[in-house]
Amino acid sequence: MRNLQLGAVALLGAVTMSSAVEAQTLRMMKALDAPHYDGQRTTWSPSSDIVNMFQDTLVAMDWDGKTPIPYLARSWTLSPDGTLYTFKLRDDVSFCSGKKFTADDVVYSFKRLTSPELKAPLAWRAGELKDIRAVDPYTVEYQLAEPYSDLLLNLTMFTTAIHNKESVEKLGKDYGVKGADGTGPWCWESWQPRTEIVLKRHDAYRWGPSMYQNKGPVKFDKLSIKVVPEDSARVAAMMAGQFDVTNQIPLQFIDQVRAAPNLDVQEAKPNFQLMYYGFKTTRPMVADKRVREAMSIAINRADIVKGIMLGKAEPAYTYIHPDTLDFAPSTKGVIKEDVERAKKLLDEAGWKVGSDGIREKDGMKLAPRVLYTQVGSFGRISEAIQGYMRKIGVDWKIVGFDSTIAPAEMAKQDYELWTVTFPYMSAGDLLNFYFDSRNRPAPNRMNWDDPQTDEYLRKGKASLSDADRAKYYGLAQQRVTEEHLWMPVMNVAMYTTSLKKLKGVRPHMLYQNTFYKGLDYSY
């Protein structure tokens, strides 16, 4: 506790504000910054939460985490063959710049997202978009080449937010760096990388989704989001009352902050977040699925969760949480922890133990390079697994990177494994994101190129019934699980911690946002 108090004192000077400004500013804290805040050019969750504050989507996600509700689109209809959505748009929306929102903005945004030039890593969220057209200023026809059963869910995501063409073209390569226009409840004011993002109230905003009591504008003049990478510093700052809200208190400190008399802690429910290590299957060391399975079954997930997460997570033995829409029960039992079997698999794969205890094959040590982002528990978990790997003769070379450069390091492709925590909404959401061959080299960093998986995903997406969708997504789950493309470790809980004086706080599960729009927040 003394160290936390000292940390709070040290941090105080960096975040002190004048009392006049403090009274008008909502103070937030996050652990990770992002390389930029153009939501169409990234998969990075540290970008997503900020994007959702200053830009809006056609559809919003209700609190239940599975129901799309109207937002910029007042309503929509779907053709009997499942390929044509007709969206009726609001006519009372404007961008922060003052420009009126129309169907042309929707058409521009989706054409930009799906353009080959942009190479958007999450363009698939738009489905197989055949054409998109403005029928009139407030009607959009969204024509798919084939049905897409998950389209409305994906239209709630930051990737499909609506952009102002004028802002994109004016800023060019600096779009999302020096600014970005949006229709959200907050407007871009400034960004100091790795230090602070400042947003200001969008005074004209009156179109909040029905999930909020307050439809706008927000009740604060500004929103200051400080980047505080150090775990203990974030805990100390919240306990000292220097910030109003954060969703990035390390899980091992949750019980401590929950006991603080000035703080409230709320768990986001539902919430599906998988912490996993992925195998780049095109690298020789992990090309053999016996090697991948050996690593996955050699660890003790329950001990990792208990010792490092203090129980604020649950061990994961499947890629999809059992409570998730379209989870395949057939994947239970595929991953069975067994150290002796792990050793046997490595022997069978030709990796023999050397004099130093590390396995070798064809003059190569079994020493895979493992990347992680230097935040939260990633480092400690990687070190713990490194210990388990030594017991089976595998020498993990773990390498940590700051969040602002981690995506660029991953893009270099020079590693065998990497780890992230991935938030998702449904089995189809996770499977299409990671395992479609078209998503190589990111987010399909496994470089998994399998016609059978692609066919199952295609049929799942194109299903016109819930039963067919569940069938094909179940087959896809079984396929990738049996190939041991990942080492699932834990399903992570997510919490929002706030000052008790801050009212209207309710965590949202969407892509690790928790804050989402912040329309009901007030003192």
Protein backbone atom coordinates (compact mmCIF):
# COMPACT_ATOMS: atom_id res chain seq x y z
CA MET A 1 0.00 0.00 0.00
CA ARG A 2 2.85 2.40 0.80
CA ASN A 3 4.25 1.91 -2.71
CA LEU A 4 0.86 2.69 -4.21
CA GLN A 5 0.60 5.86 -2.13
CA LEU A 6 4.05 6.96 -3.23
CA GLY A 7 3.05 6.24 -6.82
CA ALA A 8 0.00 8.44 -6.44
CA VAL A 9 2.10 11.31 -5.14
CA ALA A 10 4.53 10.93 -8.02
CA LEU A 11 1.73 10.88 -10.56
CA LEU A 12 -0.15 13.79 -9.08
CA GLY A 13 2.14 16.40 -10.58
CA ALA A 14 1.62 15.01 -14.05
CA VAL A 15 -2.18 15.15 -13.94
CA THR A 16 -2.94 18.19 -11.79
CA MET A 17 -5.46 20.54 -13.38
CA SER A 18 -6.88 23.89 -12.35
CA SER A 19 -10.04 23.61 -10.29
CA ALA A 20 -12.07 25.43 -12.95
CA VAL A 21 -11.07 23.02 -15.67
CA GLU A 22 -11.40 20.01 -13.38
CA ALA A 23 -15.02 20.89 -12.64
CA GLN A 24 -15.84 20.68 -16.39
CA THR A 25 -13.61 17.78 -17.44
CA LEU A 26 -14.28 14.08 -17.14
CA ARG A 27 -10.94 12.47 -16.30
CA MET A 28 -10.27 9.02 -17.68
CA MET A 29 -7.20 6.81 -17.61
CA LYS A 30 -6.06 4.06 -19.97
CA ALA A 31 -3.01 1.83 -20.05
CA LEU A 32 -2.37 1.74 -23.79
CA ASP A 33 -2.13 4.32 -26.52
CA ALA A 34 -2.48 3.50 -30.21
CA PRO A 35 -0.46 4.27 -33.35
CA HIS A 36 -3.42 6.27 -34.73
CA TYR A 37 -7.19 6.67 -34.40
CA ASP A 38 -8.42 5.84 -37.90
CA GLY A 39 -10.72 2.93 -37.09
CA GLN A 40 -10.72 1.57 -40.64
CA ARG A 41 -6.96 0.96 -40.65
CA THR A 42 -6.54 -1.02 -37.43
CA THR A 43 -7.63 -4.02 -35.38
CA TRP A 44 -6.21 -2.44 -32.21
CA SER A 45 -8.62 -2.16 -29.27
CA PRO A 46 -6.76 0.88 -27.83
CA SER A 47 -7.92 2.68 -30.98
CA SER A 48 -11.48 1.37 -30.82
CA ASP A 49 -12.57 2.92 -27.54
CA ILE A 50 -11.53 6.43 -28.60
CA VAL A 51 -13.01 6.05 -32.10
CA ASN A 52 -16.37 5.10 -30.59
CA MET A 53 -16.36 8.32 -28.60
CA PHE A 54 -16.08 10.69 -31.58
CA GLN A 55 -17.63 8.62 -34.38
CA ASP A 56 -20.93 6.77 -34.70
CA THR A 57 -22.18 3.64 -36.44
CA LEU A 58 -25.42 2.87 -38.27
CA VAL A 59 -26.34 0.41 -35.53
CA ALA A 60 -25.61 0.33 -31.79
CA MET A 61 -25.21 -2.68 -29.51
CA ASP A 62 -27.67 -2.95 -26.62
CA TRP A 63 -26.49 -3.74 -23.10
CA ASP A 64 -27.16 -7.45 -23.61
CA GLY A 65 -24.20 -7.67 -26.00
CA LYS A 66 -26.19 -9.34 -28.78
CA THR A 67 -29.05 -7.07 -29.86
CA PRO A 68 -28.43 -4.44 -32.60
CA ILE A 69 -30.55 -1.31 -32.10
CA PRO A 70 -31.05 1.81 -34.26
CA TYR A 71 -28.45 4.57 -34.16
CA LEU A 72 -27.57 6.65 -37.24
CA ALA A 73 -29.98 4.34 -39.02
CA ARG A 74 -33.51 4.81 -37.70
CA SER A 75 -34.61 1.48 -39.14
CA TRP A 76 -33.78 -1.17 -41.72
CA THR A 77 -35.38 -3.90 -43.80
CA LEU A 78 -33.92 -7.07 -45.32
CA SER A 79 -34.88 -8.71 -48.60
CA PRO A 80 -36.18 -12.33 -48.47
CA ASP A 81 -32.96 -13.66 -49.99
CA GLY A 82 -30.86 -11.98 -47.29
CA THR A 83 -28.75 -9.87 -49.66
CA LEU A 84 -30.28 -6.38 -49.64
CA TYR A 85 -30.47 -4.18 -46.54
CA THR A 86 -32.30 -0.87 -46.86
CA PHE A 87 -31.33 1.60 -44.13
CA LYS A 88 -33.47 4.64 -43.31
CA LEU A 89 -31.17 7.26 -41.80
CA ARG A 90 -31.72 10.00 -39.26
CA ASP A 91 -32.10 13.46 -40.79
CA ASP A 92 -31.07 15.41 -37.67
CA VAL A 93 -27.37 14.41 -37.41
CA SER A 94 -24.31 16.56 -37.99
CA PHE A 95 -20.56 16.07 -37.79
CA CYS A 96 -18.43 17.91 -35.26
CA SER A 97 -17.37 20.20 -38.12
CA GLY A 98 -20.99 21.23 -38.60
CA LYS A 99 -21.41 19.32 -41.86
CA LYS A 100 -24.81 17.64 -42.13
CA PHE A 101 -24.79 13.83 -42.16
CA THR A 102 -26.41 12.19 -45.22
CA ALA A 103 -26.47 8.93 -47.12
CA ASP A 104 -23.43 10.06 -49.12
CA ASP A 105 -21.33 9.80 -45.96
CA VAL A 106 -22.42 6.21 -45.44
CA VAL A 107 -21.64 5.31 -49.05
CA TYR A 108 -18.22 6.98 -48.85
CA SER A 109 -17.31 5.29 -45.54
CA PHE A 110 -18.08 1.77 -46.73
CA LYS A 111 -16.46 2.25 -50.11
CA ARG A 112 -13.33 3.47 -48.33
CA LEU A 113 -13.44 0.55 -45.88
CA THR A 114 -13.69 -2.04 -48.66
CA SER A 115 -11.33 -0.40 -51.14
CA PRO A 116 -8.28 -2.48 -52.13
CA GLU A 117 -6.10 0.62 -51.70
CA LEU A 118 -6.83 0.96 -47.97
CA LYS A 119 -6.17 -2.72 -47.21
CA ALA A 120 -8.37 -2.43 -44.12
CA PRO A 121 -7.69 -5.45 -41.87
CA LEU A 122 -11.31 -5.62 -40.74
CA ALA A 123 -12.96 -4.86 -44.09
CA TRP A 124 -14.59 -8.30 -43.89
CA ARG A 125 -16.93 -6.91 -41.22
CA ALA A 126 -18.81 -5.20 -44.05
CA GLY A 127 -19.62 -8.57 -45.60
CA GLU A 128 -19.26 -9.32 -49.32
CA LEU A 129 -20.34 -5.82 -50.30
CA LYS A 130 -21.43 -5.86 -53.94
CA ASP A 131 -22.75 -2.30 -54.06
CA ILE A 132 -23.84 0.49 -51.77
CA ARG A 133 -25.91 3.39 -53.03
CA ALA A 134 -27.76 6.46 -51.80
CA VAL A 135 -31.39 6.21 -52.93
CA ASP A 136 -32.07 9.65 -51.49
CA PRO A 137 -30.32 11.82 -48.87
CA TYR A 138 -31.57 9.59 -46.03
CA THR A 139 -31.92 6.14 -47.58
CA VAL A 140 -29.08 3.69 -48.27
CA GLU A 141 -29.29 0.40 -50.12
CA TYR A 142 -26.62 -2.03 -48.95
CA GLN A 143 -26.28 -4.80 -51.52
CA LEU A 144 -24.41 -7.99 -50.55
CA ALA A 145 -23.07 -10.58 -52.97
CA GLU A 146 -24.33 -13.25 -50.57
CA PRO A 147 -26.23 -13.29 -47.26
CA TYR A 148 -24.28 -12.34 -44.16
CA SER A 149 -25.91 -13.56 -40.96
CA ASP A 150 -23.66 -11.43 -38.71
CA LEU A 151 -23.87 -8.12 -40.60
CA LEU A 152 -25.89 -6.12 -38.08
CA LEU A 153 -23.64 -7.25 -35.22
CA ASN A 154 -20.62 -6.10 -37.20
CA LEU A 155 -22.20 -2.76 -38.04
CA THR A 156 -22.01 -1.92 -34.33
CA MET A 157 -18.19 -2.08 -34.41
CA PHE A 158 -15.79 0.88 -34.59
CA THR A 159 -14.51 -0.45 -37.93
CA THR A 160 -17.82 0.46 -39.57
CA ALA A 161 -18.09 3.97 -38.09
CA ILE A 162 -19.07 6.77 -40.46
CA HIS A 163 -16.35 9.14 -41.70
CA ASN A 164 -16.46 12.62 -43.25
CA LYS A 165 -14.80 12.51 -46.68
CA GLU A 166 -13.72 16.15 -46.36
CA SER A 167 -11.83 15.41 -43.14
CA VAL A 168 -10.17 12.27 -44.55
CA GLU A 169 -8.97 14.05 -47.69
CA LYS A 170 -7.89 17.23 -45.93
CA LEU A 171 -5.68 15.41 -43.39
CA GLY A 172 -4.42 12.68 -45.71
CA LYS A 173 -1.80 10.51 -43.98
CA ASP A 174 -2.40 12.49 -40.78
CA TYR A 175 -6.04 11.45 -40.59
CA GLY A 176 -6.54 9.86 -37.17
CA VAL A 177 -3.25 11.40 -36.04
CA LYS A 178 -3.80 15.16 -36.13
CA GLY A 179 -7.55 14.95 -36.16
CA ALA A 180 -10.68 13.20 -37.44
CA ASP A 181 -14.26 14.38 -37.88
CA GLY A 182 -17.20 12.40 -36.56
CA THR A 183 -20.85 12.54 -35.51
CA GLY A 184 -20.19 11.16 -32.00
CA PRO A 185 -21.02 12.80 -28.66
CA TRP A 186 -17.38 13.87 -28.32
CA CYS A 187 -15.18 15.74 -30.80
CA TRP A 188 -11.45 15.46 -31.39
CA GLU A 189 -9.46 18.28 -29.78
CA SER A 190 -5.87 17.05 -29.37
CA TRP A 191 -3.59 14.05 -29.02
CA GLN A 192 -0.17 13.85 -27.44
CA PRO A 193 1.02 10.30 -28.24
CA ARG A 194 1.66 8.15 -25.17
CA THR A 195 0.47 11.01 -22.99
CA GLU A 196 -3.11 12.28 -23.44
CA ILE A 197 -6.10 12.38 -25.76
CA VAL A 198 -8.49 15.31 -25.24
CA LEU A 199 -12.02 15.30 -26.62
CA LYS A 200 -14.60 18.06 -26.28
CA ARG A 201 -18.39 18.01 -26.09
CA HIS A 202 -20.31 17.89 -29.36
CA ASP A 203 -22.90 20.52 -28.47
CA ALA A 204 -25.25 19.64 -31.35
CA TYR A 205 -25.43 15.95 -30.45
CA ARG A 206 -29.02 14.81 -29.70
CA TRP A 207 -29.17 11.36 -31.32
CA GLY A 208 -27.93 8.96 -28.66
CA PRO A 209 -29.20 5.36 -28.97
CA SER A 210 -32.18 4.20 -26.93
CA MET A 211 -29.97 2.30 -24.47
CA TYR A 212 -29.12 5.65 -22.83
CA GLN A 213 -31.44 7.86 -20.79
CA ASN A 214 -29.62 10.96 -21.98
CA LYS A 215 -29.71 11.25 -25.78
CA GLY A 216 -27.20 14.12 -25.71
CA PRO A 217 -25.27 16.23 -25.42
CA VAL A 218 -22.85 14.80 -22.84
CA LYS A 219 -22.73 16.51 -19.46
CA PHE A 220 -19.04 17.46 -19.49
CA ASP A 221 -17.23 20.10 -21.53
CA LYS A 222 -14.21 17.89 -22.10
CA LEU A 223 -12.95 14.36 -21.73
CA SER A 224 -9.28 13.96 -20.85
CA ILE A 225 -7.88 10.46 -21.35
CA LYS A 226 -4.42 10.09 -19.82
CA VAL A 227 -2.14 7.24 -20.85
CA VAL A 228 -0.67 5.66 -17.70
CA PRO A 229 1.16 2.43 -18.59
CA GLU A 230 2.29 1.46 -15.08
CA ASP A 231 -0.16 -0.82 -13.29
CA SER A 232 0.60 0.41 -9.78
CA ALA A 233 0.38 4.05 -10.87
CA ARG A 234 -3.12 3.55 -12.26
CA VAL A 235 -4.27 1.86 -9.07
CA ALA A 236 -2.74 4.57 -6.90
CA ALA A 237 -4.21 7.38 -9.00
CA MET A 238 -7.74 5.98 -8.81
CA MET A 239 -7.51 5.39 -5.07
CA ALA A 240 -6.26 8.95 -4.62
CA GLY A 241 -9.22 10.30 -6.60
CA GLN A 242 -7.09 11.80 -9.38
CA PHE A 243 -9.27 10.26 -12.09
CA ASP A 244 -12.99 9.72 -12.46
CA VAL A 245 -13.03 6.42 -14.31
CA THR A 246 -10.94 3.68 -15.88
CA ASN A 247 -11.51 0.16 -17.16
CA GLN A 248 -7.85 -0.76 -16.85
CA ILE A 249 -7.23 -1.59 -13.23
CA PRO A 250 -5.12 -4.78 -13.24
CA LEU A 251 -7.27 -7.71 -12.22
CA GLN A 252 -5.02 -8.60 -9.30
CA PHE A 253 -5.90 -5.21 -7.72
CA ILE A 254 -9.68 -5.37 -8.22
CA ASP A 255 -10.44 -6.53 -4.69
CA GLN A 256 -8.24 -3.79 -3.29
CA VAL A 257 -9.94 -0.98 -5.21
CA ARG A 258 -13.35 -2.49 -4.52
CA ALA A 259 -12.63 -2.01 -0.80
CA ALA A 260 -11.72 1.67 -1.25
CA PRO A 261 -14.46 3.89 0.26
CA ASN A 262 -14.35 6.41 -2.63
CA LEU A 263 -14.59 3.91 -5.51
CA ASP A 264 -17.19 1.78 -7.27
CA VAL A 265 -16.28 -1.33 -9.25
CA GLN A 266 -18.65 -2.89 -11.79
CA GLU A 267 -18.07 -6.01 -13.88
CA ALA A 268 -19.09 -5.90 -17.54
CA LYS A 269 -21.61 -8.64 -18.29
CA PRO A 270 -21.86 -10.31 -20.69
CA ASN A 271 -18.20 -10.19 -21.65
CA PHE A 272 -16.27 -12.55 -23.86
CA GLN A 273 -12.52 -11.94 -23.88
CA LEU A 274 -10.05 -14.68 -24.67
CA MET A 275 -6.38 -14.37 -23.78
CA TYR A 276 -4.49 -16.70 -26.10
CA TYR A 277 -1.15 -17.37 -27.78
CA GLY A 278 -1.32 -17.90 -31.52
CA PHE A 279 1.03 -20.01 -33.63
CA LYS A 280 2.35 -18.69 -36.94
CA THR A 281 1.96 -21.98 -38.79
CA THR A 282 4.22 -21.00 -41.69
CA ARG A 283 7.26 -20.89 -39.37
CA PRO A 284 9.18 -24.20 -39.33
CA MET A 285 9.30 -24.55 -35.55
CA VAL A 286 5.51 -24.54 -35.17
CA ALA A 287 4.41 -25.88 -38.57
CA ASP A 288 3.75 -29.34 -37.10
CA LYS A 289 0.46 -29.46 -35.21
CA ARG A 290 1.99 -31.98 -32.79
CA VAL A 291 4.38 -29.25 -31.62
CA ARG A 292 1.50 -26.81 -31.25
CA GLU A 293 -0.58 -29.27 -29.27
CA ALA A 294 2.38 -30.15 -27.05
CA MET A 295 2.85 -26.53 -26.02
CA SER A 296 -0.88 -26.06 -25.42
CA ILE A 297 -1.31 -29.11 -23.19
CA ALA A 298 1.92 -28.57 -21.20
CA ILE A 299 0.65 -25.60 -19.15
CA ASN A 300 -1.52 -25.50 -16.03
CA ARG A 301 -4.15 -22.88 -16.77
CA ALA A 302 -5.83 -23.12 -13.38
CA ASP A 303 -2.57 -22.35 -11.58
CA ILE A 304 -1.87 -19.39 -13.90
CA VAL A 305 -5.33 -17.95 -13.24
CA LYS A 306 -5.02 -18.48 -9.50
CA GLY A 307 -1.45 -17.30 -9.09
CA ILE A 308 -1.30 -14.35 -11.48
CA MET A 309 -4.93 -13.26 -11.97
CA LEU A 310 -5.98 -14.03 -8.37
CA GLY A 311 -9.06 -15.77 -9.68
CA LYS A 312 -10.33 -12.81 -11.77
CA ALA A 313 -10.48 -14.97 -14.90
CA GLU A 314 -11.35 -18.54 -15.78
CA PRO A 315 -9.13 -21.13 -17.46
CA ALA A 316 -9.89 -21.49 -21.19
CA TYR A 317 -9.80 -24.91 -22.83
CA THR A 318 -11.82 -23.85 -25.90
CA TYR A 319 -11.43 -20.94 -28.28
CA ILE A 320 -15.04 -19.85 -27.82
CA HIS A 321 -16.61 -19.38 -24.39
CA PRO A 322 -19.34 -22.00 -23.76
CA ASP A 323 -21.93 -19.25 -23.13
CA THR A 324 -21.34 -17.62 -26.51
CA LEU A 325 -23.80 -17.66 -29.40
CA ASP A 326 -23.05 -20.67 -31.66
CA PHE A 327 -20.49 -22.29 -29.35
CA ALA A 328 -19.71 -25.86 -30.47
CA PRO A 329 -19.85 -28.37 -27.56
CA SER A 330 -17.82 -30.77 -29.71
CA THR A 331 -14.70 -28.67 -29.02
CA LYS A 332 -14.78 -29.50 -25.33
CA GLY A 333 -12.10 -32.01 -24.48
CA VAL A 334 -9.90 -31.39 -27.52
CA ILE A 335 -7.37 -29.60 -25.31
CA LYS A 336 -6.42 -31.83 -22.35
CA GLU A 337 -3.51 -30.78 -20.18
CA ASP A 338 -0.99 -33.61 -20.05
CA VAL A 339 2.75 -32.97 -19.69
CA GLU A 340 3.78 -36.55 -20.47
CA ARG A 341 1.71 -36.58 -23.66
CA ALA A 342 3.30 -33.25 -24.59
CA LYS A 343 6.76 -34.78 -24.34
CA LYS A 344 5.67 -37.79 -26.38
CA LEU A 345 4.26 -35.57 -29.14
CA LEU A 346 7.53 -33.65 -29.40
CA ASP A 347 9.47 -36.92 -29.58
CA GLU A 348 7.20 -38.11 -32.38
CA ALA A 349 7.69 -34.84 -34.23
CA GLY A 350 11.46 -35.43 -34.22
CA TRP A 351 12.46 -32.88 -31.60
CA LYS A 352 14.97 -34.62 -29.34
CA VAL A 353 16.24 -33.31 -26.00
CA GLY A 354 19.79 -31.92 -26.22
CA SER A 355 22.52 -31.86 -23.60
CA ASP A 356 21.23 -28.52 -22.28
CA GLY A 357 17.69 -29.84 -21.87
CA ILE A 358 16.37 -27.99 -24.94
CA ARG A 359 15.05 -29.98 -27.86
CA GLU A 360 16.75 -29.91 -31.25
CA LYS A 361 15.96 -31.00 -34.79
CA ASP A 362 18.10 -30.69 -37.92
CA GLY A 363 20.55 -28.46 -36.05
CA MET A 364 17.79 -26.09 -34.87
CA LYS A 365 16.88 -25.45 -31.23
CA LEU A 366 13.18 -25.48 -30.35
CA ALA A 367 13.34 -21.86 -29.19
CA PRO A 368 10.35 -19.99 -30.64
CA ARG A 369 10.22 -16.18 -30.52
CA VAL A 370 7.13 -15.06 -28.58
CA LEU A 371 5.85 -11.47 -28.73
CA TYR A 372 3.72 -9.74 -26.09
CA THR A 373 2.57 -6.20 -25.37
CA GLN A 374 4.06 -4.64 -22.24
CA VAL A 375 0.85 -4.04 -20.35
CA GLY A 376 -1.16 -5.75 -17.66
CA SER A 377 -0.28 -9.36 -16.91
CA PHE A 378 1.05 -10.33 -20.34
CA GLY A 379 4.67 -10.31 -19.18
CA ARG A 380 4.07 -12.39 -16.06
CA ILE A 381 1.87 -14.89 -17.87
CA SER A 382 4.46 -15.26 -20.63
CA GLU A 383 7.17 -15.85 -18.04
CA ALA A 384 5.03 -18.45 -16.27
CA ILE A 385 4.41 -20.32 -19.53
CA GLN A 386 8.11 -20.01 -20.34
CA GLY A 387 8.70 -22.05 -17.17
CA TYR A 388 6.22 -24.73 -18.21
CA MET A 389 7.86 -24.91 -21.65
CA ARG A 390 11.29 -25.58 -20.14
CA LYS A 391 9.87 -28.69 -18.49
CA ILE A 392 9.13 -30.20 -21.91
CA GLY A 393 12.36 -29.00 -23.53
CA VAL A 394 11.07 -25.86 -25.26
CA ASP A 395 12.91 -22.56 -24.82
CA TRP A 396 10.45 -19.69 -25.28
CA LYS A 397 12.24 -16.45 -26.22
CA ILE A 398 9.76 -13.89 -24.97
CA VAL A 399 9.99 -10.31 -26.22
CA GLY A 400 7.86 -7.40 -25.00
CA PHE A 401 6.99 -4.25 -26.93
CA ASP A 402 5.29 -0.96 -26.07
CA SER A 403 1.68 -0.81 -27.31
CA THR A 404 2.40 1.94 -29.83
CA ILE A 405 4.92 -0.20 -31.70
CA ALA A 406 3.62 -3.71 -30.99
CA PRO A 407 1.36 -3.78 -34.11
CA ALA A 408 4.31 -2.75 -36.29
CA GLU A 409 6.49 -5.45 -34.76
CA MET A 410 3.80 -8.04 -35.38
CA ALA A 411 3.54 -6.86 -38.98
CA LYS A 412 7.21 -7.82 -39.51
CA GLN A 413 6.18 -11.49 -39.23
CA ASP A 414 9.42 -12.38 -37.40
CA TYR A 415 8.07 -14.58 -34.61
CA GLU A 416 6.51 -17.95 -33.93
CA LEU A 417 3.90 -16.93 -31.35
CA TRP A 418 2.20 -13.78 -30.12
CA THR A 419 -0.39 -13.04 -27.47
CA VAL A 420 -3.35 -10.69 -27.15
CA THR A 421 -6.68 -10.60 -25.37
CA PHE A 422 -9.45 -10.62 -27.96
CA PRO A 423 -12.98 -9.36 -27.24
CA TYR A 424 -15.74 -10.84 -29.38
CA MET A 425 -19.53 -11.04 -29.58
CA SER A 426 -20.27 -14.45 -31.09
CA ALA A 427 -18.57 -17.55 -32.45
CA GLY A 428 -18.92 -16.15 -35.96
CA ASP A 429 -17.32 -12.89 -34.90
CA LEU A 430 -14.18 -14.57 -33.58
CA LEU A 431 -13.92 -17.19 -36.32
CA ASN A 432 -14.34 -14.81 -39.24
CA PHE A 433 -11.95 -12.33 -37.66
CA TYR A 434 -9.05 -14.75 -37.24
CA PHE A 435 -9.38 -17.83 -39.40
CA ASP A 436 -10.55 -16.66 -42.83
CA SER A 437 -7.61 -17.06 -45.24
CA ARG A 438 -8.38 -13.65 -46.75
CA ASN A 439 -7.40 -12.03 -43.46
CA ARG A 440 -3.74 -13.01 -43.79
CA PRO A 441 -1.32 -11.66 -42.59
CA ALA A 442 -3.48 -9.78 -40.06
CA PRO A 443 -5.55 -10.50 -38.11
CA ASN A 444 -4.99 -14.07 -39.39
CA ARG A 445 -1.43 -14.02 -38.06
CA MET A 446 -1.41 -17.82 -38.05
CA ASN A 447 -1.26 -17.53 -41.85
CA TRP A 448 -3.90 -20.26 -41.78
CA ASP A 449 -4.88 -21.00 -45.38
CA ASP A 450 -7.36 -23.86 -45.34
CA PRO A 451 -10.14 -24.32 -47.96
CA GLN A 452 -12.21 -26.43 -45.57
CA THR A 453 -12.21 -23.74 -42.87
CA ASP A 454 -13.02 -21.08 -45.46
CA GLU A 455 -15.95 -23.14 -46.76
CA TYR A 456 -17.42 -23.63 -43.27
CA LEU A 457 -17.08 -19.89 -42.57
CA ARG A 458 -18.64 -18.98 -45.90
CA LYS A 459 -21.64 -21.24 -45.24
CA GLY A 460 -21.98 -19.95 -41.68
CA LYS A 461 -22.02 -16.34 -42.86
CA ALA A 462 -24.47 -17.09 -45.66
CA SER A 463 -26.92 -19.06 -43.49
CA LEU A 464 -30.52 -17.91 -43.52
CA SER A 465 -31.45 -19.86 -40.37
CA ASP A 466 -30.03 -19.98 -36.85
CA ALA A 467 -29.64 -23.75 -37.07
CA ASP A 468 -27.55 -23.65 -40.24
CA ARG A 469 -25.38 -20.84 -38.88
CA ALA A 470 -24.68 -22.77 -35.68
CA LYS A 471 -23.94 -25.95 -37.68
CA TYR A 472 -21.31 -24.43 -39.95
CA TYR A 473 -19.69 -22.26 -37.31
CA GLY A 474 -19.52 -25.38 -35.15
CA LEU A 475 -17.69 -27.26 -37.89
CA ALA A 476 -15.25 -24.38 -38.28
CA GLN A 477 -14.58 -24.35 -34.54
CA GLN A 478 -13.89 -28.07 -34.56
CA ARG A 479 -11.53 -27.76 -37.50
CA VAL A 480 -9.32 -25.00 -36.12
CA THR A 481 -9.34 -26.41 -32.58
CA GLU A 482 -8.17 -29.83 -33.72
CA GLU A 483 -5.35 -28.15 -35.63
CA HIS A 484 -4.22 -26.47 -32.39
CA LEU A 485 -3.72 -23.09 -34.09
CA TRP A 486 -3.95 -21.36 -30.71
CA MET A 487 -3.06 -21.95 -27.10
CA PRO A 488 -6.12 -20.60 -25.27
CA VAL A 489 -5.16 -19.59 -21.74
CA MET A 490 -8.00 -17.77 -19.99
CA ASN A 491 -11.29 -15.95 -20.35
CA VAL A 492 -10.65 -12.56 -18.80
CA ALA A 493 -13.10 -10.55 -16.72
CA MET A 494 -13.52 -6.82 -17.41
CA TYR A 495 -14.34 -4.12 -14.87
CA THR A 496 -15.02 -0.40 -14.75
CA THR A 497 -13.69 1.44 -11.70
CA SER A 498 -15.09 4.91 -11.01
CA LEU A 499 -15.37 7.50 -8.28
CA LYS A 500 -18.57 7.08 -6.29
CA LYS A 501 -19.52 10.68 -7.01
CA LEU A 502 -19.67 9.88 -10.74
CA LYS A 503 -23.20 8.83 -11.63
CA GLY A 504 -24.60 6.95 -14.62
CA VAL A 505 -21.66 4.56 -14.96
CA ARG A 506 -22.40 1.24 -16.60
CA PRO A 507 -19.74 -0.86 -18.37
CA HIS A 508 -20.40 -1.93 -21.95
CA MET A 509 -18.82 -5.09 -23.36
CA LEU A 510 -18.28 -3.92 -26.95
CA TYR A 511 -14.66 -4.54 -28.00
CA GLN A 512 -13.27 -3.71 -24.54
CA ASN A 513 -14.95 -0.29 -24.58
CA THR A 514 -16.80 -0.26 -21.24
CA PHE A 515 -17.18 3.53 -21.59
CA TYR A 516 -18.65 3.42 -25.12
CA LYS A 517 -20.43 6.83 -25.46
CA GLY A 518 -20.62 8.06 -21.86
CA LEU A 519 -23.93 9.83 -22.37
CA ASP A 520 -25.34 9.15 -18.89
CA TYR A 521 -22.21 10.13 -16.95
CA SER A 522 -22.60 13.05 -14.53
CA TYR A 523 -21.46 14.29 -11.13
